[in-house]
Amino acid sequence: MLETKTIVHVSDAKVSQCPDDMLITYSLGSCIAVSLYDPASHIGGMLHYQLPDSKVDLQRAKEKPFMFADTGMMILIAKLASMGANTKRMNVKIAGGAEMATGPKGFDIGKRNYLAIRKIMWKHGLFIDGEDVGGHSPRNMYLNMSNGDVVI
């Protein structure tokens, strides 16, 4: 089988139910990537968001909902469910949330992004099965759609 690499860009999300797919996102600094995978249906997806809360710019959230944790996850979860995934079976992995920028003290966008996704997961009854977050180094995330394996 040939592997199809699907790139998930910043402020984007992709879904798949094709076992030959590999969902990939690169250069996670303060951004967070979330992978969701239902092992029974082999349906999964990945979100790469930049900011924790769409309330900071409602117009931008309408134009680019995947830029934000709250709007992006809502759409991703709904799309996976519409494809037949059971959210209660989802394997959830997250990566990113590093402190990359040298902005004003206390801004902590990486930490805020991380706290936002934890709150959203709790609200939806989803448990994070694995994470690689924080620190000062960028990361990449790979989701293998044939078996749900995630490599950071």
N, C-alpha and C. Protein backbone atom coordinates (compact mmCIF):
# COMPACT_ATOMS: atom_id res chain seq x y z
N MET A 1 0.83 -1.19 0.00
CA MET A 1 0.00 0.00 0.00
C MET A 1 0.88 1.25 0.00
N LEU A 2 0.47 2.21 -0.78
CA LEU A 2 1.16 3.49 -0.79
C LEU A 2 0.55 4.39 0.27
N GLU A 3 1.38 5.07 0.98
CA GLU A 3 0.93 5.97 2.03
C GLU A 3 0.65 7.35 1.43
N THR A 4 -0.51 7.91 1.73
CA THR A 4 -0.86 9.25 1.29
C THR A 4 -0.63 10.20 2.44
N LYS A 5 0.24 11.16 2.25
CA LYS A 5 0.52 12.14 3.30
C LYS A 5 -0.37 13.35 3.10
N THR A 6 -1.16 13.64 4.13
CA THR A 6 -2.04 14.80 4.11
C THR A 6 -1.54 15.79 5.14
N ILE A 7 -1.19 16.97 4.68
CA ILE A 7 -0.64 18.00 5.56
C ILE A 7 -1.77 18.80 6.19
N VAL A 8 -1.71 18.95 7.50
CA VAL A 8 -2.63 19.80 8.24
C VAL A 8 -1.87 21.09 8.54
N HIS A 9 -2.24 22.14 7.84
CA HIS A 9 -1.55 23.42 7.99
C HIS A 9 -2.01 24.14 9.26
N VAL A 10 -1.33 25.20 9.60
CA VAL A 10 -1.72 26.04 10.74
C VAL A 10 -3.13 26.56 10.50
N SER A 11 -3.95 26.55 11.53
CA SER A 11 -5.35 27.01 11.46
C SER A 11 -6.16 26.15 10.49
N ASP A 12 -5.94 24.84 10.55
CA ASP A 12 -6.64 23.93 9.65
C ASP A 12 -6.92 22.62 10.39
N ALA A 13 -7.78 21.82 9.80
CA ALA A 13 -8.07 20.48 10.31
C ALA A 13 -8.34 19.58 9.12
N LYS A 14 -8.03 18.31 9.27
CA LYS A 14 -8.29 17.31 8.24
C LYS A 14 -8.87 16.07 8.92
N VAL A 15 -9.73 15.36 8.19
CA VAL A 15 -10.30 14.11 8.67
C VAL A 15 -10.04 13.03 7.62
N SER A 16 -10.08 11.78 8.05
CA SER A 16 -9.86 10.68 7.12
C SER A 16 -10.47 9.40 7.67
N GLN A 17 -10.82 8.53 6.75
CA GLN A 17 -11.19 7.15 7.11
C GLN A 17 -10.48 6.17 6.19
N CYS A 18 -9.43 6.67 5.52
CA CYS A 18 -8.64 5.85 4.61
C CYS A 18 -7.41 5.32 5.33
N PRO A 19 -7.26 3.99 5.42
CA PRO A 19 -6.12 3.43 6.16
C PRO A 19 -4.75 3.76 5.55
N ASP A 20 -4.72 4.19 4.30
CA ASP A 20 -3.45 4.54 3.67
C ASP A 20 -3.00 5.96 3.98
N ASP A 21 -3.83 6.72 4.68
CA ASP A 21 -3.50 8.13 4.97
C ASP A 21 -2.58 8.27 6.18
N MET A 22 -1.76 9.29 6.11
CA MET A 22 -0.96 9.75 7.25
C MET A 22 -1.26 11.25 7.36
N LEU A 23 -1.88 11.65 8.47
CA LEU A 23 -2.12 13.07 8.71
C LEU A 23 -0.90 13.63 9.43
N ILE A 24 -0.39 14.76 8.92
CA ILE A 24 0.86 15.32 9.43
C ILE A 24 0.71 16.81 9.63
N THR A 25 1.24 17.30 10.75
CA THR A 25 1.38 18.74 10.92
C THR A 25 2.79 19.02 11.42
N TYR A 26 3.31 20.15 10.97
CA TYR A 26 4.70 20.51 11.24
C TYR A 26 4.79 21.78 12.09
N SER A 27 5.93 21.93 12.71
CA SER A 27 6.35 23.18 13.36
C SER A 27 5.37 23.67 14.42
N LEU A 28 5.01 22.79 15.32
CA LEU A 28 4.16 23.18 16.45
C LEU A 28 5.02 23.90 17.47
N GLY A 29 4.86 25.19 17.57
CA GLY A 29 5.52 25.96 18.60
C GLY A 29 4.52 26.16 19.73
N SER A 30 3.99 27.38 19.84
CA SER A 30 2.96 27.64 20.85
C SER A 30 1.61 27.09 20.41
N CYS A 31 1.45 26.79 19.11
CA CYS A 31 0.23 26.16 18.61
C CYS A 31 0.08 24.77 19.22
N ILE A 32 -1.13 24.25 19.13
CA ILE A 32 -1.41 22.89 19.60
C ILE A 32 -1.98 22.08 18.44
N ALA A 33 -1.54 20.84 18.34
CA ALA A 33 -2.18 19.88 17.43
C ALA A 33 -2.91 18.85 18.28
N VAL A 34 -4.11 18.50 17.83
CA VAL A 34 -4.93 17.50 18.50
C VAL A 34 -5.24 16.42 17.49
N SER A 35 -4.95 15.17 17.82
CA SER A 35 -5.37 14.06 16.96
C SER A 35 -6.45 13.28 17.69
N LEU A 36 -7.48 12.92 16.95
CA LEU A 36 -8.59 12.11 17.45
C LEU A 36 -8.71 10.90 16.54
N TYR A 37 -8.86 9.72 17.12
CA TYR A 37 -8.93 8.50 16.32
C TYR A 37 -9.85 7.49 17.00
N ASP A 38 -10.83 7.01 16.24
CA ASP A 38 -11.74 5.96 16.73
C ASP A 38 -11.21 4.62 16.22
N PRO A 39 -10.67 3.78 17.10
CA PRO A 39 -10.05 2.53 16.65
C PRO A 39 -11.04 1.51 16.06
N ALA A 40 -12.31 1.61 16.41
CA ALA A 40 -13.29 0.66 15.87
C ALA A 40 -13.68 1.00 14.44
N SER A 41 -13.87 2.28 14.15
CA SER A 41 -14.30 2.69 12.81
C SER A 41 -13.13 3.12 11.92
N HIS A 42 -11.95 3.29 12.53
CA HIS A 42 -10.76 3.77 11.81
C HIS A 42 -10.99 5.15 11.18
N ILE A 43 -11.74 5.96 11.89
CA ILE A 43 -12.00 7.34 11.48
C ILE A 43 -11.22 8.24 12.42
N GLY A 44 -10.55 9.22 11.85
CA GLY A 44 -9.76 10.12 12.69
C GLY A 44 -9.57 11.48 12.05
N GLY A 45 -8.98 12.36 12.82
CA GLY A 45 -8.73 13.70 12.32
C GLY A 45 -7.68 14.40 13.15
N MET A 46 -7.26 15.54 12.63
CA MET A 46 -6.24 16.34 13.31
C MET A 46 -6.57 17.82 13.13
N LEU A 47 -6.37 18.57 14.20
CA LEU A 47 -6.54 20.02 14.23
C LEU A 47 -5.22 20.66 14.62
N HIS A 48 -4.86 21.76 13.95
CA HIS A 48 -3.67 22.56 14.32
C HIS A 48 -4.18 23.98 14.55
N TYR A 49 -4.35 24.35 15.82
CA TYR A 49 -4.89 25.67 16.13
C TYR A 49 -3.83 26.57 16.74
N GLN A 50 -4.08 27.90 16.62
CA GLN A 50 -3.13 28.91 17.09
C GLN A 50 -3.51 29.56 18.41
N LEU A 51 -4.80 29.75 18.63
CA LEU A 51 -5.25 30.54 19.77
C LEU A 51 -6.32 29.80 20.56
N PRO A 52 -6.40 30.07 21.86
CA PRO A 52 -7.30 29.29 22.72
C PRO A 52 -8.78 29.62 22.60
N ASP A 53 -9.15 30.86 22.29
CA ASP A 53 -10.54 31.26 22.43
C ASP A 53 -10.96 32.20 21.30
N SER A 54 -12.02 31.84 20.61
CA SER A 54 -12.52 32.63 19.49
C SER A 54 -13.12 33.97 19.91
N LYS A 55 -13.40 34.14 21.18
CA LYS A 55 -14.01 35.39 21.64
C LYS A 55 -13.11 36.60 21.42
N VAL A 56 -11.81 36.38 21.23
CA VAL A 56 -10.89 37.50 21.00
C VAL A 56 -11.12 38.15 19.64
N ASP A 57 -11.71 37.41 18.68
CA ASP A 57 -11.95 37.96 17.35
C ASP A 57 -13.05 37.13 16.67
N LEU A 58 -14.30 37.49 16.93
CA LEU A 58 -15.43 36.71 16.43
C LEU A 58 -15.50 36.70 14.91
N GLN A 59 -15.13 37.81 14.27
CA GLN A 59 -15.14 37.85 12.81
C GLN A 59 -14.11 36.87 12.24
N ARG A 60 -12.92 36.89 12.79
CA ARG A 60 -11.88 35.96 12.32
C ARG A 60 -12.30 34.52 12.58
N ALA A 61 -12.98 34.27 13.70
CA ALA A 61 -13.44 32.92 14.01
C ALA A 61 -14.44 32.42 12.97
N LYS A 62 -15.26 33.32 12.42
CA LYS A 62 -16.18 32.93 11.36
C LYS A 62 -15.43 32.59 10.08
N GLU A 63 -14.39 33.36 9.80
CA GLU A 63 -13.61 33.17 8.57
C GLU A 63 -12.65 31.98 8.68
N LYS A 64 -12.04 31.81 9.84
CA LYS A 64 -11.04 30.75 10.05
C LYS A 64 -11.30 30.05 11.38
N PRO A 65 -12.34 29.24 11.47
CA PRO A 65 -12.68 28.63 12.76
C PRO A 65 -11.60 27.71 13.32
N PHE A 66 -10.75 27.14 12.45
CA PHE A 66 -9.72 26.24 12.94
C PHE A 66 -8.53 26.97 13.54
N MET A 67 -8.57 28.29 13.53
CA MET A 67 -7.52 29.08 14.17
C MET A 67 -7.63 28.98 15.69
N PHE A 68 -8.83 28.67 16.18
CA PHE A 68 -9.13 28.71 17.61
C PHE A 68 -9.47 27.31 18.14
N ALA A 69 -9.08 27.06 19.38
CA ALA A 69 -9.35 25.76 20.00
C ALA A 69 -10.84 25.47 20.09
N ASP A 70 -11.61 26.43 20.57
CA ASP A 70 -13.03 26.17 20.82
C ASP A 70 -13.82 25.92 19.54
N THR A 71 -13.70 26.80 18.56
CA THR A 71 -14.46 26.62 17.32
C THR A 71 -13.90 25.47 16.49
N GLY A 72 -12.60 25.32 16.48
CA GLY A 72 -11.98 24.25 15.70
C GLY A 72 -12.36 22.87 16.20
N MET A 73 -12.31 22.67 17.51
CA MET A 73 -12.65 21.36 18.07
C MET A 73 -14.12 21.04 17.89
N MET A 74 -14.98 22.04 18.03
CA MET A 74 -16.41 21.82 17.85
C MET A 74 -16.69 21.28 16.44
N ILE A 75 -16.06 21.90 15.44
CA ILE A 75 -16.27 21.47 14.06
C ILE A 75 -15.64 20.10 13.82
N LEU A 76 -14.44 19.88 14.32
CA LEU A 76 -13.76 18.60 14.10
C LEU A 76 -14.54 17.45 14.73
N ILE A 77 -14.98 17.61 15.95
CA ILE A 77 -15.74 16.55 16.63
C ILE A 77 -17.04 16.26 15.87
N ALA A 78 -17.74 17.31 15.44
CA ALA A 78 -18.99 17.13 14.69
C ALA A 78 -18.74 16.40 13.37
N LYS A 79 -17.68 16.76 12.67
CA LYS A 79 -17.37 16.13 11.39
C LYS A 79 -17.05 14.64 11.58
N LEU A 80 -16.24 14.32 12.59
CA LEU A 80 -15.90 12.91 12.84
C LEU A 80 -17.15 12.10 13.21
N ALA A 81 -18.02 12.69 14.02
CA ALA A 81 -19.26 12.00 14.40
C ALA A 81 -20.15 11.79 13.17
N SER A 82 -20.21 12.77 12.28
CA SER A 82 -21.03 12.63 11.07
C SER A 82 -20.50 11.55 10.13
N MET A 83 -19.22 11.24 10.24
CA MET A 83 -18.61 10.19 9.42
C MET A 83 -18.79 8.81 10.05
N GLY A 84 -19.28 8.76 11.29
CA GLY A 84 -19.52 7.48 11.96
C GLY A 84 -18.62 7.18 13.13
N ALA A 85 -17.74 8.10 13.48
CA ALA A 85 -16.87 7.89 14.64
C ALA A 85 -17.68 8.04 15.93
N ASN A 86 -17.32 7.25 16.92
CA ASN A 86 -17.95 7.35 18.23
C ASN A 86 -16.98 8.12 19.13
N THR A 87 -17.39 9.31 19.55
CA THR A 87 -16.48 10.16 20.33
C THR A 87 -16.09 9.52 21.66
N LYS A 88 -16.91 8.64 22.17
CA LYS A 88 -16.58 8.00 23.45
C LYS A 88 -15.44 6.98 23.32
N ARG A 89 -15.16 6.55 22.09
CA ARG A 89 -14.06 5.60 21.86
C ARG A 89 -12.77 6.30 21.43
N MET A 90 -12.82 7.59 21.24
CA MET A 90 -11.70 8.31 20.64
C MET A 90 -10.41 8.21 21.46
N ASN A 91 -9.32 7.95 20.76
CA ASN A 91 -7.99 8.11 21.32
C ASN A 91 -7.58 9.54 21.02
N VAL A 92 -7.17 10.27 22.04
CA VAL A 92 -6.85 11.68 21.90
C VAL A 92 -5.38 11.91 22.27
N LYS A 93 -4.68 12.56 21.38
CA LYS A 93 -3.27 12.92 21.63
C LYS A 93 -3.11 14.40 21.32
N ILE A 94 -2.27 15.08 22.10
CA ILE A 94 -2.01 16.50 21.85
C ILE A 94 -0.51 16.75 21.90
N ALA A 95 -0.10 17.77 21.15
CA ALA A 95 1.31 18.16 21.13
C ALA A 95 1.40 19.66 20.86
N GLY A 96 2.49 20.25 21.31
CA GLY A 96 2.73 21.68 21.09
C GLY A 96 2.69 22.44 22.40
N GLY A 97 2.20 23.66 22.33
CA GLY A 97 2.06 24.48 23.52
C GLY A 97 3.38 24.95 24.10
N ALA A 98 4.41 25.03 23.26
CA ALA A 98 5.72 25.49 23.74
C ALA A 98 5.72 27.00 23.91
N GLU A 99 6.65 27.48 24.69
CA GLU A 99 6.84 28.93 24.84
C GLU A 99 7.95 29.34 23.88
N MET A 100 7.54 29.82 22.71
CA MET A 100 8.49 30.14 21.65
C MET A 100 8.78 31.64 21.56
N ALA A 101 7.78 32.45 21.77
CA ALA A 101 7.92 33.90 21.57
C ALA A 101 8.50 34.57 22.80
N THR A 102 9.13 35.67 22.57
CA THR A 102 9.64 36.48 23.67
C THR A 102 8.76 37.72 23.80
N GLY A 103 7.51 37.49 24.10
CA GLY A 103 6.55 38.58 24.25
C GLY A 103 6.50 39.06 25.68
N PRO A 104 5.49 39.86 25.99
CA PRO A 104 5.35 40.38 27.35
C PRO A 104 5.22 39.25 28.37
N LYS A 105 5.84 39.44 29.50
CA LYS A 105 5.78 38.44 30.58
C LYS A 105 4.32 38.21 30.95
N GLY A 106 3.95 36.96 31.08
CA GLY A 106 2.59 36.61 31.46
C GLY A 106 1.67 36.32 30.30
N PHE A 107 2.10 36.53 29.05
CA PHE A 107 1.24 36.25 27.90
C PHE A 107 1.03 34.74 27.76
N ASP A 108 2.10 33.96 27.82
CA ASP A 108 2.06 32.49 27.90
C ASP A 108 1.05 31.83 26.95
N ILE A 109 1.12 32.16 25.66
CA ILE A 109 0.14 31.62 24.71
C ILE A 109 0.18 30.10 24.64
N GLY A 110 1.37 29.50 24.72
CA GLY A 110 1.47 28.04 24.69
C GLY A 110 0.72 27.40 25.85
N LYS A 111 0.91 27.94 27.03
CA LYS A 111 0.22 27.43 28.22
C LYS A 111 -1.29 27.65 28.12
N ARG A 112 -1.69 28.83 27.64
CA ARG A 112 -3.12 29.12 27.48
C ARG A 112 -3.76 28.18 26.46
N ASN A 113 -3.04 27.89 25.38
CA ASN A 113 -3.54 26.94 24.38
C ASN A 113 -3.73 25.56 25.00
N TYR A 114 -2.78 25.15 25.81
CA TYR A 114 -2.85 23.84 26.47
C TYR A 114 -4.03 23.77 27.44
N LEU A 115 -4.19 24.79 28.27
CA LEU A 115 -5.29 24.80 29.23
C LEU A 115 -6.64 24.81 28.52
N ALA A 116 -6.72 25.51 27.39
CA ALA A 116 -7.97 25.57 26.63
C ALA A 116 -8.37 24.19 26.12
N ILE A 117 -7.42 23.45 25.58
CA ILE A 117 -7.78 22.14 25.01
C ILE A 117 -8.14 21.15 26.12
N ARG A 118 -7.51 21.24 27.26
CA ARG A 118 -7.88 20.36 28.38
C ARG A 118 -9.33 20.64 28.81
N LYS A 119 -9.69 21.90 28.88
CA LYS A 119 -11.05 22.28 29.27
C LYS A 119 -12.07 21.78 28.23
N ILE A 120 -11.75 21.94 26.97
CA ILE A 120 -12.65 21.50 25.90
C ILE A 120 -12.82 19.98 25.93
N MET A 121 -11.74 19.26 26.11
CA MET A 121 -11.81 17.80 26.17
C MET A 121 -12.69 17.35 27.34
N TRP A 122 -12.49 17.98 28.49
CA TRP A 122 -13.29 17.64 29.66
C TRP A 122 -14.77 17.90 29.38
N LYS A 123 -15.07 19.05 28.78
CA LYS A 123 -16.45 19.43 28.47
C LYS A 123 -17.12 18.40 27.56
N HIS A 124 -16.37 17.81 26.64
CA HIS A 124 -16.92 16.84 25.69
C HIS A 124 -16.78 15.40 26.17
N GLY A 125 -16.29 15.20 27.39
CA GLY A 125 -16.14 13.85 27.92
C GLY A 125 -15.04 13.05 27.24
N LEU A 126 -14.05 13.74 26.69
CA LEU A 126 -12.93 13.09 26.02
C LEU A 126 -11.71 13.15 26.92
N PHE A 127 -10.97 12.06 26.96
CA PHE A 127 -9.79 12.00 27.81
C PHE A 127 -8.54 11.99 26.96
N ILE A 128 -7.55 12.75 27.37
CA ILE A 128 -6.29 12.84 26.64
C ILE A 128 -5.46 11.61 27.00
N ASP A 129 -5.17 10.80 25.98
CA ASP A 129 -4.43 9.56 26.18
C ASP A 129 -2.92 9.76 26.17
N GLY A 130 -2.47 10.84 25.58
CA GLY A 130 -1.04 11.11 25.51
C GLY A 130 -0.79 12.55 25.10
N GLU A 131 0.29 13.11 25.61
CA GLU A 131 0.61 14.49 25.27
C GLU A 131 2.11 14.71 25.32
N ASP A 132 2.54 15.66 24.50
CA ASP A 132 3.92 16.14 24.51
C ASP A 132 3.81 17.65 24.36
N VAL A 133 3.78 18.35 25.48
CA VAL A 133 3.49 19.78 25.48
C VAL A 133 4.50 20.56 26.32
N GLY A 134 4.51 21.87 26.11
CA GLY A 134 5.36 22.76 26.89
C GLY A 134 6.78 22.80 26.37
N GLY A 135 7.66 23.27 27.20
CA GLY A 135 9.06 23.39 26.82
C GLY A 135 9.31 24.55 25.88
N HIS A 136 10.41 24.46 25.13
CA HIS A 136 10.80 25.55 24.25
C HIS A 136 11.15 25.08 22.84
N SER A 137 10.81 23.84 22.50
CA SER A 137 11.17 23.29 21.19
C SER A 137 9.94 23.02 20.35
N PRO A 138 10.04 23.25 19.04
CA PRO A 138 8.92 22.93 18.15
C PRO A 138 8.80 21.42 17.96
N ARG A 139 7.62 20.98 17.55
CA ARG A 139 7.34 19.56 17.34
C ARG A 139 6.58 19.36 16.04
N ASN A 140 6.57 18.13 15.56
CA ASN A 140 5.73 17.68 14.45
C ASN A 140 4.85 16.55 14.99
N MET A 141 3.67 16.37 14.39
CA MET A 141 2.78 15.27 14.79
C MET A 141 2.37 14.49 13.54
N TYR A 142 2.38 13.16 13.67
CA TYR A 142 1.99 12.26 12.60
C TYR A 142 0.92 11.31 13.13
N LEU A 143 -0.22 11.20 12.42
CA LEU A 143 -1.28 10.26 12.78
C LEU A 143 -1.42 9.24 11.66
N ASN A 144 -1.12 7.98 11.97
CA ASN A 144 -1.23 6.88 11.03
C ASN A 144 -2.67 6.38 11.05
N MET A 145 -3.39 6.55 9.95
CA MET A 145 -4.80 6.20 9.92
C MET A 145 -5.05 4.69 9.86
N SER A 146 -4.05 3.89 9.59
CA SER A 146 -4.27 2.44 9.55
C SER A 146 -4.44 1.85 10.95
N ASN A 147 -3.80 2.49 11.94
CA ASN A 147 -3.85 1.91 13.28
C ASN A 147 -3.98 2.94 14.41
N GLY A 148 -4.00 4.22 14.07
CA GLY A 148 -4.15 5.26 15.08
C GLY A 148 -2.88 5.65 15.80
N ASP A 149 -1.76 5.06 15.40
CA ASP A 149 -0.49 5.41 16.05
C ASP A 149 -0.15 6.88 15.80
N VAL A 150 0.32 7.54 16.84
CA VAL A 150 0.74 8.93 16.74
C VAL A 150 2.22 9.00 17.10
N VAL A 151 2.96 9.71 16.27
CA VAL A 151 4.38 9.94 16.52
C VAL A 151 4.58 11.44 16.62
N ILE A 152 5.31 11.88 17.64
CA ILE A 152 5.64 13.29 17.83
C ILE A 152 7.11 13.46 17.50
